[in-house]
Protein backbone atom coordinates (compact mmCIF):
# COMPACT_ATOMS: atom_id res chain seq x y z
CA UNK A 1 -0.06 0.07 0.21
CA UNK A 2 1.60 3.38 -1.08
CA UNK A 3 2.13 5.74 2.11
CA UNK A 4 0.22 8.92 2.66
CA UNK A 5 1.94 11.93 1.01
CA UNK A 6 1.10 15.23 3.18
CA UNK A 7 2.11 18.33 0.92
CA UNK A 8 4.22 15.63 -1.16
CA UNK A 9 6.22 14.58 1.56
CA UNK A 10 5.91 11.35 3.57
CA UNK A 11 5.36 11.54 7.53
CA UNK A 12 8.68 10.00 8.36
CA UNK A 13 10.21 13.05 6.24
CA UNK A 14 8.36 15.54 8.13
CA UNK A 15 9.48 13.95 11.67
CA UNK A 16 13.21 14.27 10.31
CA UNK A 17 12.54 17.60 9.20
CA UNK A 18 10.89 18.47 12.76
CA UNK A 19 11.99 15.60 15.63
CA UNK A 20 9.73 17.21 17.73
CA UNK A 21 6.88 16.23 15.47
CA UNK A 22 7.40 12.40 16.67
CA UNK A 23 6.45 13.17 20.20
CA UNK A 24 3.16 15.17 18.69
CA UNK A 25 2.31 11.98 16.67
CA UNK A 26 2.81 9.74 19.57
CA UNK A 27 0.22 12.30 21.48
CA UNK A 28 2.80 13.06 24.31
CA UNK A 29 3.07 16.50 25.86
CA UNK A 30 5.43 18.83 24.01
CA UNK A 31 6.70 22.61 24.40
CA UNK A 32 7.29 24.11 20.89
CA UNK A 33 9.10 27.33 20.77
CA UNK A 34 8.56 29.26 17.42
CA UNK A 35 11.25 29.78 15.52
CA UNK A 36 10.14 32.06 13.18
CA UNK A 37 9.17 34.26 16.44
CA UNK A 38 10.72 38.21 15.38
CA UNK A 39 10.09 41.39 16.75
CA UNK A 40 6.94 43.13 16.90
CA UNK A 41 8.32 45.77 14.91
CA UNK A 42 9.58 43.49 12.44
CA UNK A 43 6.18 40.93 12.35
CA UNK A 44 3.83 43.86 11.95
CA UNK A 45 5.46 44.70 8.59
CA UNK A 46 3.55 41.68 7.33
CA UNK A 47 0.17 41.94 8.67
CA UNK A 48 -2.57 44.02 7.20
CA UNK A 49 -5.02 44.39 10.36
CA UNK A 50 -4.03 47.69 12.49
CA UNK A 51 -4.47 49.18 15.54
CA UNK A 52 -7.37 50.97 14.05
CA UNK A 53 -9.21 47.94 13.27
CA UNK A 54 -9.50 46.94 16.97
CA UNK A 55 -10.44 50.55 18.32
CA UNK A 56 -13.09 50.61 15.88
CA UNK A 57 -14.48 47.36 17.25
CA UNK A 58 -13.78 49.03 21.06
CA UNK A 59 -16.03 51.66 20.10
CA UNK A 60 -19.02 49.86 18.55
CA UNK A 61 -19.21 47.42 21.76
CA UNK A 62 -19.15 50.75 23.47
CA UNK A 63 -22.17 51.92 21.42
CA UNK A 64 -23.84 48.74 21.88
CA UNK A 65 -23.52 48.96 25.86
CA UNK A 66 -26.94 50.31 26.48
CA UNK A 67 -28.83 47.77 24.58
CA UNK A 68 -26.70 44.84 26.67
CA UNK A 69 -27.79 46.41 29.79
CA UNK A 70 -31.17 46.51 28.82
CA UNK A 71 -31.40 42.84 27.44
CA UNK A 72 -28.85 41.28 29.81
CA UNK A 73 -28.99 42.30 33.21
CA UNK A 74 -26.00 40.79 34.98
CA UNK A 75 -24.15 43.24 32.45
CA UNK A 76 -25.57 46.23 34.67
CA UNK A 77 -23.20 46.33 36.87
CA UNK A 78 -20.73 46.94 34.47
CA UNK A 79 -22.54 49.17 32.21
CA UNK A 80 -23.11 47.07 29.35
CA UNK A 81 -19.29 45.92 28.90
CA UNK A 82 -18.64 42.47 28.84
CA UNK A 83 -15.50 41.78 30.85
CA UNK A 84 -14.19 39.41 33.31
CA UNK A 85 -12.38 39.92 36.60
CA UNK A 86 -8.21 39.47 36.66
CA UNK A 87 -7.39 37.80 39.82
CA UNK A 88 -3.86 37.08 41.35
CA UNK A 89 -4.42 33.04 42.41
CA UNK A 90 -1.59 32.55 45.17
CA UNK A 91 -2.74 29.07 46.59
CA UNK A 92 -2.93 27.46 42.82
CA UNK A 93 0.91 29.06 42.15
CA UNK A 94 1.85 26.94 45.57
CA UNK A 95 -0.10 24.01 44.21
CA UNK A 96 1.43 24.03 41.13
CA UNK A 97 4.82 24.17 42.44
CA UNK A 98 4.23 20.95 44.95
CA UNK A 99 2.61 18.66 42.16
CA UNK A 100 5.40 19.43 39.32
CA UNK A 101 8.30 20.09 41.72
CA UNK A 102 9.28 23.51 39.86
CA UNK A 103 10.05 26.67 41.27
CA UNK A 104 6.90 29.00 39.95
CA UNK A 105 9.32 32.20 39.42
CA UNK A 106 7.05 35.20 39.20
CA UNK A 107 3.05 36.30 39.72
CA UNK A 108 0.54 34.00 38.55
CA UNK A 109 -3.09 35.54 37.72
CA UNK A 110 -6.32 34.57 36.19
CA UNK A 111 -8.25 36.02 33.47
CA UNK A 112 -11.75 35.11 34.54
CA UNK A 113 -13.41 34.49 31.10
CA UNK A 114 -15.09 31.74 32.32
CA UNK A 115 -17.16 34.98 34.04
CA UNK A 116 -18.10 36.63 31.08
CA UNK A 117 -21.39 37.40 30.95
CA UNK A 118 -23.94 36.16 29.07
CA UNK A 119 -22.22 33.34 27.37
CA UNK A 120 -20.04 32.72 30.15
CA UNK A 121 -16.53 32.15 27.81
CA UNK A 122 -14.23 33.69 26.02
CA UNK A 123 -16.82 33.47 23.04
CA UNK A 124 -18.81 36.29 24.86
CA UNK A 125 -15.82 38.77 22.84
CA UNK A 126 -15.52 37.45 19.38
CA UNK A 127 -19.06 35.84 18.97
CA UNK A 128 -21.19 38.25 20.23
CA UNK A 129 -19.21 41.42 18.48
CA UNK A 130 -19.69 40.14 14.97
CA UNK A 131 -23.19 39.21 15.52
CA UNK A 132 -23.70 42.98 17.10
CA UNK A 133 -21.34 44.49 14.19
CA UNK A 134 -23.93 42.60 11.63
CA UNK A 135 -26.62 43.78 13.14
CA UNK A 136 -25.57 47.35 13.32
CA UNK A 137 -24.70 46.94 9.43
CA UNK A 138 -28.21 45.81 8.83
CA UNK A 139 -29.92 48.53 10.84
CA UNK A 140 -28.05 51.41 9.44
CA UNK A 141 -28.25 50.11 5.42
CA UNK A 142 -31.99 50.40 6.18
CA UNK A 143 -32.48 53.65 7.68
CA UNK A 144 -33.19 52.26 11.09
CA UNK A 145 -30.33 53.33 13.22
CA UNK A 146 -27.46 55.70 13.06
CA UNK A 147 -24.30 55.32 15.24
CA UNK A 148 -25.24 58.63 17.29
CA UNK A 149 -28.39 57.31 18.69
CA UNK A 150 -28.59 55.76 21.83
CA UNK A 151 -28.71 51.78 20.65
CA UNK A 152 -31.01 50.85 23.47
CA UNK A 153 -34.01 51.71 20.90
CA UNK A 154 -32.62 48.26 19.51
CA UNK A 155 -34.71 46.21 22.26
CA UNK A 156 -38.16 46.86 20.86
CA UNK A 157 -40.76 44.69 18.59
CA UNK A 158 -40.14 46.89 15.73
CA UNK A 159 -36.31 46.03 15.53
CA UNK A 160 -36.83 42.28 16.70
CA UNK A 161 -39.33 42.03 13.91
CA UNK A 162 -36.93 43.79 11.22
CA UNK A 163 -34.54 41.13 12.25
CA UNK A 164 -36.31 38.09 12.02
CA UNK A 165 -36.46 38.75 8.43
CA UNK A 166 -32.51 37.76 8.43
CA UNK A 167 -30.76 34.46 9.58
CA UNK A 168 -27.34 33.60 11.40
CA UNK A 169 -25.55 30.68 11.12
CA UNK A 170 -22.36 28.95 12.77
CA UNK A 171 -20.46 25.60 12.77
CA UNK A 172 -19.26 25.16 16.58
CA UNK A 173 -18.05 22.42 19.09
CA UNK A 174 -19.91 24.22 22.22
CA UNK A 175 -18.55 27.89 23.02
CA UNK A 176 -18.78 30.01 19.91
CA UNK A 177 -22.16 28.25 19.47
CA UNK A 178 -23.58 29.49 22.77
CA UNK A 179 -22.26 32.89 22.17
CA UNK A 180 -23.85 33.65 18.80
CA UNK A 181 -27.14 31.81 19.81
CA UNK A 182 -27.81 33.81 22.39
CA UNK A 183 -27.31 37.09 21.30
CA UNK A 184 -28.41 36.55 17.88
CA UNK A 185 -31.95 34.93 19.08
CA UNK A 186 -32.14 37.75 22.34
CA UNK A 187 -31.92 40.41 19.42
CA UNK A 188 -33.97 38.83 16.69
CA UNK A 189 -32.61 36.76 14.05
CA UNK A 190 -33.42 33.87 13.12
CA UNK A 191 -30.21 31.53 14.18
CA UNK A 192 -29.06 27.84 13.77
CA UNK A 193 -26.26 26.20 15.19
CA UNK A 194 -24.14 23.38 13.54
CA UNK A 195 -22.62 21.18 16.15
CA UNK A 196 -19.98 18.55 16.18
CA UNK A 197 -20.25 15.42 17.77
CA UNK A 198 -18.10 16.38 20.12
CA UNK A 199 -20.14 19.46 21.25
CA UNK A 200 -21.65 18.86 24.88
CA UNK A 201 -25.04 17.71 25.57
CA UNK A 202 -26.05 20.53 27.84
CA UNK A 203 -24.76 23.31 25.72
CA UNK A 204 -27.10 21.84 22.82
CA UNK A 205 -30.39 21.86 25.61
CA UNK A 206 -29.33 25.41 26.35
CA UNK A 207 -29.28 27.18 23.04
CA UNK A 208 -32.64 25.23 22.33
CA UNK A 209 -33.98 26.54 25.19
CA UNK A 210 -33.06 29.88 24.07
CA UNK A 211 -35.30 28.80 20.62
CA UNK A 212 -31.91 28.60 18.91
CA UNK A 213 -32.09 25.64 16.09
CA UNK A 214 -29.44 23.17 16.60
CA UNK A 215 -28.16 20.55 13.74
CA UNK A 216 -26.06 17.56 15.00
CA UNK A 217 -23.51 15.93 13.18
CA UNK A 218 -21.77 12.45 13.86
CA UNK A 219 -18.62 13.92 12.44
CA UNK A 220 -16.05 16.94 13.72
CA UNK A 221 -15.93 20.51 14.03
CA UNK A 222 -14.68 21.01 10.22
CA UNK A 223 -17.64 19.17 8.95
CA UNK A 224 -20.09 21.09 11.55
CA UNK A 225 -18.16 24.19 9.74
CA UNK A 226 -18.51 22.77 6.02
CA UNK A 227 -22.40 22.02 6.71
CA UNK A 228 -23.29 25.41 8.24
CA UNK A 229 -21.64 27.44 5.32
CA UNK A 230 -23.37 25.14 2.80
CA UNK A 231 -26.32 25.59 3.93
CA UNK A 232 -26.32 29.29 4.88
CA UNK A 233 -25.32 30.02 1.14
CA UNK A 234 -28.74 29.11 -0.04
CA UNK A 235 -30.33 31.95 1.70
CA UNK A 236 -29.72 35.56 0.53
CA UNK A 237 -30.34 36.74 3.71
CA UNK A 238 -28.16 34.31 5.86
CA UNK A 239 -24.97 35.50 7.65
CA UNK A 240 -22.31 32.65 8.36
CA UNK A 241 -20.13 33.49 10.96
CA UNK A 242 -16.43 31.80 9.79
CA UNK A 243 -14.74 30.77 12.73
CA UNK A 244 -11.86 29.86 10.83
CA UNK A 245 -11.61 32.84 9.00
CA UNK A 246 -13.59 35.64 10.23
CA UNK A 247 -11.42 39.20 10.90
CA UNK A 248 -14.53 40.25 12.66
CA UNK A 249 -14.49 37.61 15.31
CA UNK A 250 -10.65 38.05 15.85
CA UNK A 251 -11.16 41.99 15.84
CA UNK A 252 -13.62 41.17 19.19
CA UNK A 253 -11.17 39.19 20.77
CA UNK A 254 -8.22 41.52 20.45
CA UNK A 255 -10.59 44.47 22.13
CA UNK A 256 -9.69 42.54 25.33
CA UNK A 257 -6.08 43.65 25.35
CA UNK A 258 -6.87 47.46 26.43
CA UNK A 259 -9.15 46.04 29.41
CA UNK A 260 -6.28 43.84 30.34
CA UNK A 261 -4.16 46.75 30.23
CA UNK A 262 -6.04 48.85 32.58
CA UNK A 263 -6.82 45.96 34.79
CA UNK A 264 -3.01 45.46 35.17
CA UNK A 265 -2.55 49.35 36.35
CA UNK A 266 -5.38 49.16 38.67
CA UNK A 267 -3.26 46.54 40.37
CA UNK A 268 -0.29 48.41 40.54
CA UNK A 269 1.29 45.86 38.03
CA UNK A 270 4.07 47.36 35.62
CA UNK A 271 5.09 45.53 31.99
CA UNK A 272 7.66 46.73 30.72
CA UNK A 273 11.32 45.45 29.59
CA UNK A 274 12.36 44.81 33.22
CA UNK A 275 8.40 42.99 34.20
CA UNK A 276 7.95 40.75 31.02
CA UNK A 277 4.13 39.28 30.30
CA UNK A 278 3.65 35.85 29.51
CA UNK A 279 -0.10 35.05 28.57
CA UNK A 280 -0.99 31.02 27.93
CA UNK A 281 -4.18 30.65 26.17
CA UNK A 282 -6.04 27.54 25.10
CA UNK A 283 -6.35 27.08 21.65
CA UNK A 284 -8.80 25.29 19.22
CA UNK A 285 -9.49 26.40 15.65
CA UNK A 286 -7.19 29.72 17.10
CA UNK A 287 -9.43 32.43 16.39
CA UNK A 288 -10.17 33.40 20.47
CA UNK A 289 -6.50 32.86 21.36
CA UNK A 290 -5.53 34.37 18.13
CA UNK A 291 -7.39 37.94 18.53
CA UNK A 292 -6.42 37.89 22.16
CA UNK A 293 -2.59 37.51 21.59
CA UNK A 294 -2.88 39.95 18.21
CA UNK A 295 -4.26 42.54 20.79
CA UNK A 296 -1.73 42.23 23.21
CA UNK A 297 1.02 42.61 20.85
CA UNK A 298 -0.35 45.67 19.89
CA UNK A 299 -0.83 46.85 23.51
CA UNK A 300 2.72 45.58 25.21
CA UNK A 301 5.16 44.98 21.81
CA UNK A 302 7.61 43.21 22.58
CA UNK A 303 6.99 42.74 26.55
CA UNK A 304 4.66 40.06 25.96
CA UNK A 305 4.82 36.69 24.92
CA UNK A 306 1.75 34.39 24.16
CA UNK A 307 1.55 30.95 24.17
CA UNK A 308 -0.73 28.51 22.94
CA UNK A 309 -2.35 25.41 24.87
CA UNK A 310 -3.54 22.22 23.05
CA UNK A 311 -4.67 19.11 24.10
CA UNK A 312 -2.18 16.15 22.98
CA UNK A 313 -4.76 15.04 20.32
CA UNK A 314 -5.92 18.17 18.71
CA UNK A 315 -2.85 19.92 18.11
CA UNK A 316 -3.95 21.45 15.03
CA UNK A 317 -2.35 24.72 15.38
CA UNK A 318 0.81 23.60 16.47
CA UNK A 319 1.04 21.20 13.17
CA UNK A 320 -0.01 24.16 10.89
CA UNK A 321 2.56 26.34 12.50
CA UNK A 322 5.46 24.02 12.96
CA UNK A 323 5.09 22.51 9.31
CA UNK A 324 3.83 26.19 8.10
CA UNK A 325 1.43 24.12 5.84
CA UNK A 326 -1.31 25.73 8.23
CA UNK A 327 -4.85 24.79 7.09
CA UNK A 328 -3.63 22.74 4.38
CA UNK A 329 -3.26 19.99 7.42
CA UNK A 330 -5.02 18.39 9.84
CA UNK A 331 -4.04 16.31 12.70
CA UNK A 332 -5.71 13.17 11.15
CA UNK A 333 -2.99 13.40 8.48
CA UNK A 334 -0.83 12.37 10.40
CA UNK A 335 -2.84 9.81 12.30
CA UNK A 336 -4.17 11.57 15.42
CA UNK A 337 -7.60 11.23 16.19
CA UNK A 338 -8.96 14.65 17.03
CA UNK A 339 -11.04 13.05 20.17
CA UNK A 340 -10.11 14.87 23.51
CA UNK A 341 -12.34 16.07 26.35
CA UNK A 342 -11.64 19.50 26.05
CA UNK A 343 -14.59 20.14 23.60
CA UNK A 344 -13.89 23.55 22.93
CA UNK A 345 -10.45 22.36 21.48
CA UNK A 346 -11.33 19.35 19.40
CA UNK A 347 -10.29 20.98 16.35
CA UNK A 348 -8.39 19.14 13.42
CA UNK A 349 -7.50 21.60 11.34
CA UNK A 350 -6.60 25.44 12.23
CA UNK A 351 -7.68 28.37 11.09
CA UNK A 352 -5.11 29.36 8.06
CA UNK A 353 -5.83 33.20 8.45
CA UNK A 354 -4.69 33.60 12.50
CA UNK A 355 -1.96 30.87 11.60
CA UNK A 356 -0.51 32.98 8.81
CA UNK A 357 -1.23 36.35 10.96
CA UNK A 358 0.71 35.35 13.91
CA UNK A 359 3.15 32.88 12.56
CA UNK A 360 6.32 35.73 13.63
CA UNK A 361 4.00 36.87 16.51
CA UNK A 362 3.27 33.92 19.10
CA UNK A 363 6.26 32.81 21.29
CA UNK A 364 5.37 29.10 21.07
CA UNK A 365 2.62 26.30 21.66
CA UNK A 366 2.88 23.52 24.16
CA UNK A 367 0.10 20.29 24.40
CA UNK A 368 -1.40 19.14 27.47
CA UNK A 369 -2.87 15.63 28.22
CA UNK A 370 -6.56 15.43 29.15
CA UNK A 371 -5.86 13.56 32.22
CA UNK A 372 -3.59 16.82 33.72
CA UNK A 373 -6.87 19.15 32.68
CA UNK A 374 -9.26 17.07 35.02
CA UNK A 375 -6.15 17.15 38.26
CA UNK A 376 -5.73 21.02 37.67
CA UNK A 377 -9.72 21.37 37.46
CA UNK A 378 -9.70 20.25 40.81
CA UNK A 379 -6.79 21.60 41.98
CA UNK A 380 -8.19 25.17 41.09
CA UNK A 381 -11.38 24.28 42.59
CA UNK A 382 -9.71 23.38 45.83
CA UNK A 383 -7.12 26.21 46.01
CA UNK A 384 -9.23 29.22 44.92
CA UNK A 385 -12.44 28.16 44.81
CA UNK A 386 -12.85 28.81 41.09
CA UNK A 387 -14.48 25.79 38.84
CA UNK A 388 -13.56 26.24 34.92
CA UNK A 389 -14.53 23.33 32.19
CA UNK A 390 -12.02 21.24 31.57
CA UNK A 391 -10.71 23.25 28.05
CA UNK A 392 -9.96 26.09 30.20
CA UNK A 393 -7.08 24.52 32.27
CA UNK A 394 -5.14 23.77 29.32
CA UNK A 395 -3.44 27.10 30.15
CA UNK A 396 -2.50 26.01 33.88
CA UNK A 397 0.07 23.87 32.57
CA UNK A 398 1.93 26.87 30.95
CA UNK A 399 4.12 28.65 33.00
CA UNK A 400 5.44 25.21 34.73
CA UNK A 401 5.88 24.16 31.07
CA UNK A 402 7.86 27.46 30.04
CA UNK A 403 9.80 27.40 33.55
CA UNK A 404 10.73 23.41 32.98
CA UNK A 405 11.82 24.10 29.06
CA UNK A 406 14.15 27.47 30.02
CA UNK A 407 13.45 29.17 27.75
CA UNK A 408 12.97 30.22 31.49
CA UNK A 409 16.84 30.55 31.79
CA UNK A 410 16.07 33.98 30.64
CA UNK A 411 13.51 34.44 33.11
CA UNK A 412 14.40 36.36 35.99
CA UNK A 413 12.05 36.40 39.29
CA UNK A 414 11.13 39.63 40.46
CA UNK A 415 9.54 40.99 37.74
CA UNK A 416 7.95 38.33 36.20
CA UNK A 417 4.06 37.97 35.26
CA UNK A 418 2.16 35.21 34.42
CA UNK A 419 -1.34 35.05 33.04
CA UNK A 420 -3.72 32.18 32.41
CA UNK A 421 -6.54 32.62 29.90
CA UNK A 422 -9.86 30.94 31.65
CA UNK A 423 -11.73 30.46 28.32
CA UNK A 424 -14.96 29.30 29.86
CA UNK A 425 -17.28 27.48 32.29
CA UNK A 426 -19.60 29.25 34.51
CA UNK A 427 -22.78 28.19 32.45
CA UNK A 428 -21.78 24.19 33.22
CA UNK A 429 -24.45 22.17 34.90
CA UNK A 430 -23.66 22.33 38.62
CA UNK A 431 -24.20 18.05 38.19
CA UNK A 432 -21.52 18.28 34.98
CA UNK A 433 -19.01 19.80 37.08
CA UNK A 434 -19.12 17.86 39.79
CA UNK A 435 -18.64 14.88 37.94
CA UNK A 436 -15.57 16.59 36.25
CA UNK A 437 -14.23 17.30 39.72
CA UNK A 438 -14.75 13.55 40.74
CA UNK A 439 -12.84 12.48 37.91
CA UNK A 440 -9.81 14.64 38.98
CA UNK A 441 -10.10 13.34 42.19
CA UNK A 442 -9.90 10.01 41.04
CA UNK A 443 -7.10 10.67 38.63
């Protein structure tokens, strides 16, 4: 039988070119430092997205704040701004030191996107932003709205009737579908979420309870996206949100960086040459972590280092960056099954748009075993009383991995700040979270 070729090469020749790939294919935990990493100034020369684009997204979210405050009471405290706390996790830092027998240098903070209002995950940033942008464009085009108005007027039967003439569709492993389904249904759009086999049942049930049409697939994420796109194209009034290629999603996520800067200032934490920032972002198709990382580079430039965290069985971004094939290759091409408990990260083929945008800006990628996700879930609950869904714990191994790899030979103790991005968890039903915790305890 003829061996399958990937971009004209056998798997063995790919392994010879990238020796770390052997461990990746064997689904072992690995750390990959990006050899193409460049200074901020050099890397940005090749990128078409600008700071003005992100500022435009930030202004749009401010315009929608009066509307969000009216229809989602949980945003009233923040005046309609969808944002999450930043907290220091001293006890978890001690726990990591003990469990992994590593000197945990620097401060350890958790960015609690698990607490983001409306959707309970990082997807409340990009997903909600893209739906709001589409709604604004439609309303302005039909002379129903101007950017000078109070957007609270959108919360009316007249607007809901208008938006009901239009449809929104998305393919998702779970959390993006939740964010887009919840906001689209609230505005009045007809919304369909195409869910892959690994999407959790409770997420499908929650969407249906909000009046969202959920279509289930027995195959993985890529198939759900492909079918969602295909069906959407048959309806001229349907708008497909493309998790693999959307600049709007990306910009919605990038806004987080400006808000994080203010939070760090409020905590008297300086980020500069002597106080570098290391950020660890769970990564599925790449849109959420990619957008956040891009925003962080705009804000902190060479003083921030961003790392993506992926399950050992779904390392699509790592393989895409390492081989430089991006979305031209999948984990399945290398014989990896793409089966993981981290449902939001169960993606076999990374976003080519994100991979190419960040290929000189991302500092590295590491992988984490599913069992470690559950153990860290239990540890964080025990030490800080914070409960995340399994995929959100992927970032927690980052500081340990980096310090062990050294990489951290260059790390100075005093000024260092680590931020683990907690991507989701607050909407997980209590009995399911208890089962996650129990699994961590058994392991």
